[in-house]
């Protein structure tokens, strides 16, 4: 399985993978969001094997 974890606006939110690209002992993939700015609503997305899913929206206003 391949996946990426991204936001719609890297000037407001940045993403990073916490423990490489492998799941932890419970099968969870851990990712981190860092707020780097304000002024907009930003979508957070995960692309798994070529399929993109919107996970949630962050309101940074």
Protein backbone atom coordinates (compact mmCIF):
# COMPACT_ATOMS: atom_id res chain seq x y z
CA UNK A 1 0.00 0.00 0.00
CA UNK A 2 1.24 3.49 -0.81
CA UNK A 3 -0.17 6.65 0.70
CA UNK A 4 0.40 10.37 1.03
CA UNK A 5 -1.06 12.78 3.54
CA UNK A 6 -1.48 16.37 2.30
CA UNK A 7 -3.30 19.64 2.86
CA UNK A 8 -4.86 21.93 0.30
CA UNK A 9 -2.71 24.89 1.43
CA UNK A 10 0.83 24.29 2.74
CA UNK A 11 1.10 27.95 3.81
CA UNK A 12 -1.49 27.29 6.55
CA UNK A 13 -1.06 23.60 7.44
CA UNK A 14 1.92 21.30 6.97
CA UNK A 15 1.88 17.51 7.21
CA UNK A 16 4.47 14.93 8.20
CA UNK A 17 4.58 11.18 8.70
CA UNK A 18 5.33 10.22 12.32
CA UNK A 19 6.69 6.66 12.04
CA UNK A 20 7.88 6.18 8.45
CA UNK A 21 5.29 4.82 6.02
CA UNK A 22 4.43 1.76 8.12
CA UNK A 23 1.63 1.14 10.61
CA UNK A 24 2.19 0.90 14.37
CA UNK A 25 1.45 -2.29 16.36
CA UNK A 26 -2.32 -1.55 16.21
CA UNK A 27 -2.29 -1.10 12.42
CA UNK A 28 -2.61 2.73 12.57
CA UNK A 29 -0.71 5.12 10.33
CA UNK A 30 0.37 8.16 12.34
CA UNK A 31 0.60 11.60 10.73
CA UNK A 32 1.13 15.07 12.16
CA UNK A 33 -0.41 18.45 11.25
CA UNK A 34 1.35 21.71 12.06
CA UNK A 35 -0.46 25.06 11.81
CA UNK A 36 1.86 27.55 10.10
CA UNK A 37 -0.55 30.39 9.30
CA UNK A 38 -4.13 31.63 9.54
CA UNK A 39 -6.84 33.14 7.42
CA UNK A 40 -8.58 30.30 5.61
CA UNK A 41 -10.35 26.95 5.83
CA UNK A 42 -8.11 24.11 4.66
CA UNK A 43 -8.95 20.54 3.61
CA UNK A 44 -6.81 17.62 4.76
CA UNK A 45 -6.54 14.69 2.35
CA UNK A 46 -5.07 11.20 2.17
CA UNK A 47 -4.22 9.50 -1.11
CA UNK A 48 -4.18 5.70 -0.79
CA UNK A 49 -3.10 3.67 -3.81
CA UNK A 50 -4.19 6.44 -6.21
CA UNK A 51 -7.55 7.20 -4.55
CA UNK A 52 -7.90 10.57 -2.77
CA UNK A 53 -10.08 10.91 0.34
CA UNK A 54 -10.93 14.13 2.18
CA UNK A 55 -10.42 13.40 5.87
CA UNK A 56 -11.58 16.66 7.45
CA UNK A 57 -11.46 20.45 7.21
CA UNK A 58 -9.54 22.78 9.54
CA UNK A 59 -10.84 26.31 10.10
CA UNK A 60 -7.74 28.49 10.65
CA UNK A 61 -9.50 31.86 10.83
